[in-house]
Structure formats: C-alpha cells, structure tokens
C-alpha cells in the first residue's frame, strides 16, 4: 500500500470555519457524507477498488503509487545512519511519496547523492540552516 488519508478540503469553503474550535469540528468535520477516502496502491488498482468497496460506501479516490509506504519507511529509517551528524529528522509524506529529511544544511551535492541512491525526488532535503550565496 502506498498510503491512506481522508480529504476534508470541503472545510476550507465553510465561512468562518475554525479547526481549533471543538464545536465546529464536531458539527462539520465529522460528516461522513463529505469525506473522501484516498488510497494509494502499487499494483492492480481495479482489484483494490473492488476490495475497498466491500466495506467503504462513501466517496473514494484510488490512485497509483510508485513506491509503497513500507519502502518509504525503510528509506526514512536508513537516513539517520547515512547522514550522520548532519541528520536532524525524517518523515514520510505519503501524498507526495517522499521522505523529507531534516538536515543542518541542505546542499546540492547531498541532494544529488540521495537522488542517485534512491531516485530523483524520493528524498527531499529540508535544511535548518540555509547556505549563504
């Protein structure tokens, strides 16, 4: 599986909606008729959609994933050892199918090295410090 999430972007269209207000969240954010279940899969999408439809009757978006979430988590786990003392953090963005690596300085050489190893755009560097140019 590439990942799963609920889309509640309809909330942005509600005038005055405040996500920090529990009463508004209860009133608007828990409406199952407006939720869109998003699921990314590697492999056969038609079979996966039929499988999900056995239990989910609401709005559904099934899309192709280039990499599984498990593959992205393996990359995430390997980065701390690989980046050494420059490593700050790592997280997986299932929507963009990327691992975001926090490092002290995100320079082009390091980005090229990671692109060569994992594929272009699979690891996105997020530098704490920015190089002076």
N, C-alpha and C. Protein backbone atom coordinates (compact mmCIF):
# COMPACT_ATOMS: atom_id res chain seq x y z
N UNK A 1 0.84 -1.18 0.00
CA UNK A 1 0.00 0.00 0.00
C UNK A 1 0.89 1.24 0.00
N UNK A 2 0.47 2.23 -0.75
CA UNK A 2 1.21 3.47 -0.82
C UNK A 2 0.83 4.47 0.25
N UNK A 3 -0.37 4.35 0.80
CA UNK A 3 -0.80 5.27 1.85
C UNK A 3 -2.30 5.46 1.83
N UNK A 4 -2.84 5.99 2.91
CA UNK A 4 -4.27 6.24 3.02
C UNK A 4 -4.49 7.50 3.85
N UNK A 5 -5.45 8.33 3.43
CA UNK A 5 -5.79 9.53 4.18
C UNK A 5 -7.20 9.97 3.83
N UNK A 6 -7.80 10.77 4.70
CA UNK A 6 -9.12 11.35 4.46
C UNK A 6 -8.95 12.78 4.00
N UNK A 7 -9.70 13.14 2.98
CA UNK A 7 -9.69 14.51 2.46
C UNK A 7 -10.88 15.24 3.04
N UNK A 8 -10.60 16.32 3.73
CA UNK A 8 -11.65 17.16 4.28
C UNK A 8 -11.50 18.59 3.77
N UNK A 9 -11.06 18.74 2.53
CA UNK A 9 -10.81 20.08 1.99
C UNK A 9 -12.09 20.90 1.86
N UNK A 10 -13.25 20.25 1.92
CA UNK A 10 -14.51 20.98 1.90
C UNK A 10 -14.61 21.95 3.07
N UNK A 11 -13.87 21.67 4.15
CA UNK A 11 -13.91 22.55 5.32
C UNK A 11 -13.42 23.96 5.00
N UNK A 12 -12.50 24.07 4.04
CA UNK A 12 -11.96 25.38 3.67
C UNK A 12 -13.03 26.30 3.08
N UNK A 13 -14.11 25.73 2.55
CA UNK A 13 -15.17 26.53 1.92
C UNK A 13 -16.24 26.98 2.90
N UNK A 14 -16.17 26.54 4.14
CA UNK A 14 -17.17 26.92 5.14
C UNK A 14 -16.76 28.27 5.74
N UNK A 15 -17.58 29.32 5.54
CA UNK A 15 -17.23 30.64 6.06
C UNK A 15 -17.04 30.61 7.58
N UNK A 16 -15.90 31.14 8.02
CA UNK A 16 -15.62 31.24 9.44
C UNK A 16 -15.21 29.94 10.12
N UNK A 17 -14.98 28.88 9.35
CA UNK A 17 -14.61 27.61 9.98
C UNK A 17 -13.29 27.75 10.71
N UNK A 18 -13.26 27.29 11.96
CA UNK A 18 -12.07 27.35 12.80
C UNK A 18 -11.77 25.94 13.29
N UNK A 19 -10.69 25.33 12.76
CA UNK A 19 -10.38 23.95 13.10
C UNK A 19 -10.02 23.75 14.57
N UNK A 20 -9.66 24.84 15.26
CA UNK A 20 -9.31 24.71 16.68
C UNK A 20 -10.54 24.74 17.59
N UNK A 21 -11.71 25.05 17.04
CA UNK A 21 -12.94 25.10 17.82
C UNK A 21 -13.59 23.71 17.83
N UNK A 22 -13.62 23.03 18.98
CA UNK A 22 -14.16 21.67 19.04
C UNK A 22 -15.62 21.58 18.58
N UNK A 23 -16.41 22.61 18.86
CA UNK A 23 -17.82 22.58 18.44
C UNK A 23 -17.95 22.60 16.92
N UNK A 24 -17.10 23.40 16.26
CA UNK A 24 -17.14 23.44 14.80
C UNK A 24 -16.65 22.13 14.21
N UNK A 25 -15.62 21.56 14.82
CA UNK A 25 -15.12 20.28 14.34
C UNK A 25 -16.21 19.21 14.46
N UNK A 26 -16.92 19.20 15.58
CA UNK A 26 -17.99 18.22 15.78
C UNK A 26 -19.10 18.43 14.76
N UNK A 27 -19.42 19.68 14.48
CA UNK A 27 -20.53 19.99 13.57
C UNK A 27 -20.19 19.71 12.11
N UNK A 28 -18.96 20.05 11.69
CA UNK A 28 -18.63 20.00 10.27
C UNK A 28 -17.64 18.90 9.88
N UNK A 29 -16.65 18.64 10.71
CA UNK A 29 -15.53 17.80 10.29
C UNK A 29 -15.83 16.31 10.37
N UNK A 30 -16.89 15.93 10.99
CA UNK A 30 -17.20 14.51 11.13
C UNK A 30 -18.37 14.07 10.26
N UNK A 31 -18.57 14.74 9.14
CA UNK A 31 -19.67 14.40 8.25
C UNK A 31 -19.21 13.35 7.24
N UNK A 32 -19.58 12.08 7.44
CA UNK A 32 -19.08 11.02 6.55
C UNK A 32 -19.56 11.16 5.11
N UNK A 33 -20.63 11.93 4.89
CA UNK A 33 -21.10 12.11 3.52
C UNK A 33 -20.21 13.05 2.72
N UNK A 34 -19.32 13.77 3.40
CA UNK A 34 -18.44 14.71 2.72
C UNK A 34 -16.97 14.29 2.72
N UNK A 35 -16.66 13.20 3.39
CA UNK A 35 -15.28 12.73 3.44
C UNK A 35 -14.92 12.00 2.15
N UNK A 36 -13.69 12.17 1.72
CA UNK A 36 -13.18 11.41 0.58
C UNK A 36 -12.03 10.55 1.10
N UNK A 37 -12.19 9.24 0.98
CA UNK A 37 -11.14 8.31 1.36
C UNK A 37 -10.17 8.20 0.18
N UNK A 38 -8.92 8.54 0.42
CA UNK A 38 -7.87 8.46 -0.60
C UNK A 38 -6.96 7.30 -0.26
N UNK A 39 -6.74 6.43 -1.23
CA UNK A 39 -5.90 5.26 -1.02
C UNK A 39 -4.97 5.12 -2.21
N UNK A 40 -3.67 4.98 -1.93
CA UNK A 40 -2.67 4.74 -2.98
C UNK A 40 -2.19 3.30 -2.86
N UNK A 41 -2.09 2.66 -4.01
CA UNK A 41 -1.61 1.28 -4.06
C UNK A 41 -0.57 1.12 -5.15
N UNK A 42 0.34 0.20 -4.93
CA UNK A 42 1.17 -0.29 -6.01
C UNK A 42 0.39 -1.46 -6.60
N UNK A 43 0.58 -1.76 -7.87
CA UNK A 43 -0.08 -2.91 -8.47
C UNK A 43 -1.46 -2.61 -9.02
N UNK A 44 -2.34 -3.62 -9.01
CA UNK A 44 -3.67 -3.60 -9.63
C UNK A 44 -4.64 -2.71 -8.88
N UNK A 45 -5.05 -1.60 -9.51
CA UNK A 45 -5.97 -0.67 -8.86
C UNK A 45 -7.41 -1.15 -8.90
N UNK A 46 -7.83 -1.74 -10.00
CA UNK A 46 -9.23 -2.17 -10.14
C UNK A 46 -9.57 -3.20 -9.05
N UNK A 47 -8.70 -4.15 -8.84
CA UNK A 47 -8.94 -5.15 -7.81
C UNK A 47 -8.97 -4.54 -6.42
N UNK A 48 -8.10 -3.58 -6.18
CA UNK A 48 -8.05 -2.92 -4.87
C UNK A 48 -9.31 -2.10 -4.63
N UNK A 49 -9.79 -1.40 -5.68
CA UNK A 49 -11.00 -0.60 -5.52
C UNK A 49 -12.19 -1.49 -5.17
N UNK A 50 -12.32 -2.62 -5.86
CA UNK A 50 -13.40 -3.55 -5.56
C UNK A 50 -13.31 -4.05 -4.12
N UNK A 51 -12.10 -4.33 -3.66
CA UNK A 51 -11.88 -4.80 -2.30
C UNK A 51 -12.32 -3.75 -1.28
N UNK A 52 -11.96 -2.48 -1.52
CA UNK A 52 -12.34 -1.40 -0.60
C UNK A 52 -13.85 -1.19 -0.61
N UNK A 53 -14.46 -1.29 -1.77
CA UNK A 53 -15.90 -1.08 -1.90
C UNK A 53 -16.72 -2.10 -1.11
N UNK A 54 -16.12 -3.19 -0.72
CA UNK A 54 -16.83 -4.16 0.10
C UNK A 54 -17.17 -3.59 1.48
N UNK A 55 -16.38 -2.60 1.93
CA UNK A 55 -16.64 -2.02 3.25
C UNK A 55 -16.86 -0.51 3.24
N UNK A 56 -16.38 0.20 2.24
CA UNK A 56 -16.50 1.66 2.20
C UNK A 56 -17.47 2.06 1.11
N UNK A 57 -18.55 2.73 1.51
CA UNK A 57 -19.57 3.15 0.55
C UNK A 57 -19.52 4.62 0.20
N UNK A 58 -18.60 5.35 0.81
CA UNK A 58 -18.52 6.79 0.58
C UNK A 58 -17.64 7.15 -0.62
N UNK A 59 -17.36 8.44 -0.72
CA UNK A 59 -16.51 8.94 -1.81
C UNK A 59 -15.12 8.32 -1.69
N UNK A 60 -14.58 7.91 -2.84
CA UNK A 60 -13.34 7.17 -2.85
C UNK A 60 -12.46 7.61 -4.00
N UNK A 61 -11.18 7.76 -3.72
CA UNK A 61 -10.19 8.04 -4.76
C UNK A 61 -9.08 7.02 -4.60
N UNK A 62 -8.92 6.15 -5.60
CA UNK A 62 -7.87 5.14 -5.59
C UNK A 62 -6.86 5.56 -6.65
N UNK A 63 -5.59 5.66 -6.25
CA UNK A 63 -4.57 6.10 -7.20
C UNK A 63 -3.33 5.23 -7.12
N UNK A 64 -2.54 5.32 -8.18
CA UNK A 64 -1.34 4.51 -8.32
C UNK A 64 -0.19 5.10 -7.49
N UNK A 65 0.50 4.24 -6.77
CA UNK A 65 1.69 4.64 -6.02
C UNK A 65 2.92 4.04 -6.71
N UNK A 66 3.96 4.84 -6.85
CA UNK A 66 5.22 4.33 -7.41
C UNK A 66 5.97 3.49 -6.39
N UNK A 67 5.84 3.88 -5.12
CA UNK A 67 6.53 3.18 -4.04
C UNK A 67 5.54 2.92 -2.91
N UNK A 68 5.73 1.84 -2.21
CA UNK A 68 4.86 1.54 -1.08
C UNK A 68 5.28 2.40 0.12
N UNK A 69 4.36 2.54 1.05
CA UNK A 69 4.68 3.27 2.27
C UNK A 69 5.80 2.55 3.02
N UNK A 70 5.80 1.22 2.97
CA UNK A 70 6.85 0.44 3.64
C UNK A 70 8.23 0.76 3.05
N UNK A 71 8.32 0.91 1.72
CA UNK A 71 9.59 1.29 1.09
C UNK A 71 10.06 2.66 1.57
N UNK A 72 9.11 3.59 1.63
CA UNK A 72 9.46 4.94 2.10
C UNK A 72 9.91 4.92 3.56
N UNK A 73 9.27 4.11 4.38
CA UNK A 73 9.67 3.99 5.80
C UNK A 73 11.07 3.38 5.93
N UNK A 74 11.41 2.44 5.06
CA UNK A 74 12.76 1.87 5.08
C UNK A 74 13.80 2.94 4.76
N UNK A 75 13.50 3.77 3.77
CA UNK A 75 14.41 4.87 3.43
C UNK A 75 14.52 5.82 4.62
N UNK A 76 13.38 6.15 5.21
CA UNK A 76 13.37 7.03 6.38
C UNK A 76 14.27 6.48 7.48
N UNK A 77 14.16 5.20 7.76
CA UNK A 77 14.95 4.57 8.81
C UNK A 77 16.44 4.58 8.51
N UNK A 78 16.80 4.49 7.23
CA UNK A 78 18.22 4.42 6.87
C UNK A 78 18.92 5.79 6.89
N UNK A 79 18.15 6.87 6.86
CA UNK A 79 18.76 8.19 6.72
C UNK A 79 19.56 8.65 7.92
N UNK A 80 19.15 8.30 9.12
CA UNK A 80 19.89 8.79 10.29
C UNK A 80 21.33 8.29 10.26
N UNK A 81 21.53 7.02 9.95
CA UNK A 81 22.89 6.49 9.85
C UNK A 81 23.64 7.03 8.66
N UNK A 82 22.94 7.21 7.57
CA UNK A 82 23.58 7.66 6.33
C UNK A 82 24.00 9.13 6.38
N UNK A 83 23.21 9.95 7.04
CA UNK A 83 23.50 11.39 7.06
C UNK A 83 24.36 11.80 8.24
N UNK A 84 24.54 10.92 9.19
CA UNK A 84 25.44 11.17 10.31
C UNK A 84 25.06 12.38 11.15
N UNK A 85 26.06 13.18 11.49
CA UNK A 85 25.85 14.29 12.42
C UNK A 85 25.03 15.43 11.82
N UNK A 86 24.84 15.45 10.50
CA UNK A 86 24.00 16.49 9.88
C UNK A 86 22.52 16.17 9.99
N UNK A 87 22.18 14.92 10.35
CA UNK A 87 20.80 14.47 10.42
C UNK A 87 20.07 15.14 11.58
N UNK A 88 18.85 15.65 11.31
CA UNK A 88 18.00 16.25 12.34
C UNK A 88 16.73 15.44 12.51
N UNK A 89 16.07 15.10 11.39
CA UNK A 89 14.79 14.39 11.46
C UNK A 89 14.46 13.78 10.10
N UNK A 90 13.46 12.90 10.09
CA UNK A 90 12.96 12.36 8.82
C UNK A 90 11.49 12.00 9.01
N UNK A 91 10.71 12.25 7.97
CA UNK A 91 9.30 11.89 7.99
C UNK A 91 8.89 11.45 6.59
N UNK A 92 7.78 10.73 6.53
CA UNK A 92 7.26 10.26 5.25
C UNK A 92 6.04 11.10 4.87
N UNK A 93 6.04 11.59 3.65
CA UNK A 93 4.89 12.30 3.08
C UNK A 93 4.24 11.33 2.10
N UNK A 94 3.15 10.67 2.53
CA UNK A 94 2.54 9.65 1.68
C UNK A 94 1.84 10.25 0.47
N UNK A 95 1.37 11.48 0.57
CA UNK A 95 0.70 12.11 -0.56
C UNK A 95 1.68 12.36 -1.69
N UNK A 96 2.85 12.90 -1.35
CA UNK A 96 3.87 13.21 -2.36
C UNK A 96 4.82 12.03 -2.62
N UNK A 97 4.66 10.95 -1.85
CA UNK A 97 5.54 9.78 -1.96
C UNK A 97 7.00 10.16 -1.81
N UNK A 98 7.28 10.91 -0.74
CA UNK A 98 8.63 11.39 -0.46
C UNK A 98 8.98 11.14 1.00
N UNK A 99 10.28 11.08 1.22
CA UNK A 99 10.81 11.13 2.58
C UNK A 99 11.41 12.52 2.72
N UNK A 100 10.98 13.24 3.74
CA UNK A 100 11.51 14.57 4.00
C UNK A 100 12.57 14.43 5.07
N UNK A 101 13.80 14.79 4.71
CA UNK A 101 14.93 14.65 5.63
C UNK A 101 15.36 16.02 6.12
N UNK A 102 15.26 16.22 7.41
CA UNK A 102 15.77 17.44 8.02
C UNK A 102 17.26 17.29 8.28
N UNK A 103 18.02 18.23 7.75
CA UNK A 103 19.48 18.22 7.92
C UNK A 103 19.91 19.63 8.32
N UNK A 104 21.14 19.73 8.84
CA UNK A 104 21.62 21.06 9.21
C UNK A 104 21.69 21.97 8.00
N UNK A 105 22.34 21.49 6.93
CA UNK A 105 22.44 22.28 5.68
C UNK A 105 22.06 21.37 4.51
N UNK A 106 21.09 21.79 3.75
CA UNK A 106 20.65 21.04 2.57
C UNK A 106 21.36 21.61 1.35
N UNK A 107 22.44 20.96 0.95
CA UNK A 107 23.17 21.48 -0.20
C UNK A 107 22.93 20.59 -1.43
N UNK A 108 23.28 21.12 -2.59
CA UNK A 108 23.03 20.44 -3.86
C UNK A 108 23.79 19.12 -3.97
N UNK A 109 25.00 19.07 -3.45
CA UNK A 109 25.80 17.84 -3.52
C UNK A 109 25.13 16.70 -2.76
N UNK A 110 24.64 16.99 -1.57
CA UNK A 110 23.95 15.96 -0.78
C UNK A 110 22.66 15.54 -1.48
N UNK A 111 21.93 16.49 -2.03
CA UNK A 111 20.70 16.16 -2.73
C UNK A 111 20.98 15.26 -3.93
N UNK A 112 22.03 15.56 -4.69
CA UNK A 112 22.41 14.71 -5.84
C UNK A 112 22.76 13.29 -5.40
N UNK A 113 23.49 13.19 -4.30
CA UNK A 113 23.88 11.88 -3.78
C UNK A 113 22.64 11.05 -3.40
N UNK A 114 21.68 11.68 -2.75
CA UNK A 114 20.46 10.98 -2.36
C UNK A 114 19.59 10.65 -3.58
N UNK A 115 19.56 11.55 -4.55
CA UNK A 115 18.83 11.28 -5.80
C UNK A 115 19.43 10.08 -6.53
N UNK A 116 20.76 10.01 -6.56
CA UNK A 116 21.44 8.90 -7.22
C UNK A 116 21.13 7.57 -6.52
N UNK A 117 21.06 7.60 -5.21
CA UNK A 117 20.85 6.37 -4.45
C UNK A 117 19.39 5.91 -4.45
N UNK A 118 18.45 6.86 -4.24
CA UNK A 118 17.05 6.49 -4.04
C UNK A 118 16.13 6.83 -5.21
N UNK A 119 16.60 7.64 -6.13
CA UNK A 119 15.77 8.11 -7.23
C UNK A 119 15.48 9.59 -7.05
N UNK A 120 15.40 10.28 -8.16
CA UNK A 120 15.19 11.73 -8.12
C UNK A 120 13.86 12.07 -7.43
N UNK A 121 13.95 12.95 -6.43
CA UNK A 121 12.76 13.43 -5.74
C UNK A 121 12.21 12.53 -4.65
N UNK A 122 12.80 11.37 -4.44
CA UNK A 122 12.29 10.46 -3.40
C UNK A 122 12.62 11.00 -2.01
N UNK A 123 13.82 11.53 -1.85
CA UNK A 123 14.19 12.18 -0.59
C UNK A 123 14.29 13.67 -0.85
N UNK A 124 13.55 14.44 -0.07
CA UNK A 124 13.60 15.91 -0.19
C UNK A 124 14.28 16.45 1.06
N UNK A 125 15.34 17.20 0.84
CA UNK A 125 16.07 17.78 1.97
C UNK A 125 15.42 19.07 2.45
N UNK A 126 15.38 19.22 3.76
CA UNK A 126 14.86 20.42 4.39
C UNK A 126 15.93 20.90 5.37
N UNK A 127 16.65 21.93 4.96
CA UNK A 127 17.76 22.41 5.76
C UNK A 127 17.35 23.35 6.88
N UNK A 128 17.94 23.14 8.05
CA UNK A 128 17.73 24.05 9.17
C UNK A 128 18.44 25.37 8.87
N UNK A 129 19.68 25.26 8.41
CA UNK A 129 20.46 26.43 8.03
C UNK A 129 20.48 26.55 6.52
N UNK A 130 20.48 27.75 6.01
CA UNK A 130 20.49 27.98 4.57
C UNK A 130 21.88 28.49 4.15
N UNK A 131 22.44 27.93 3.05
CA UNK A 131 23.76 28.38 2.59
C UNK A 131 23.73 29.86 2.19
N UNK A 132 24.81 30.55 2.47
CA UNK A 132 24.95 31.95 2.07
C UNK A 132 25.51 31.97 0.66
N UNK A 133 24.93 32.76 -0.19
CA UNK A 133 25.37 32.80 -1.59
C UNK A 133 25.89 34.15 -1.94
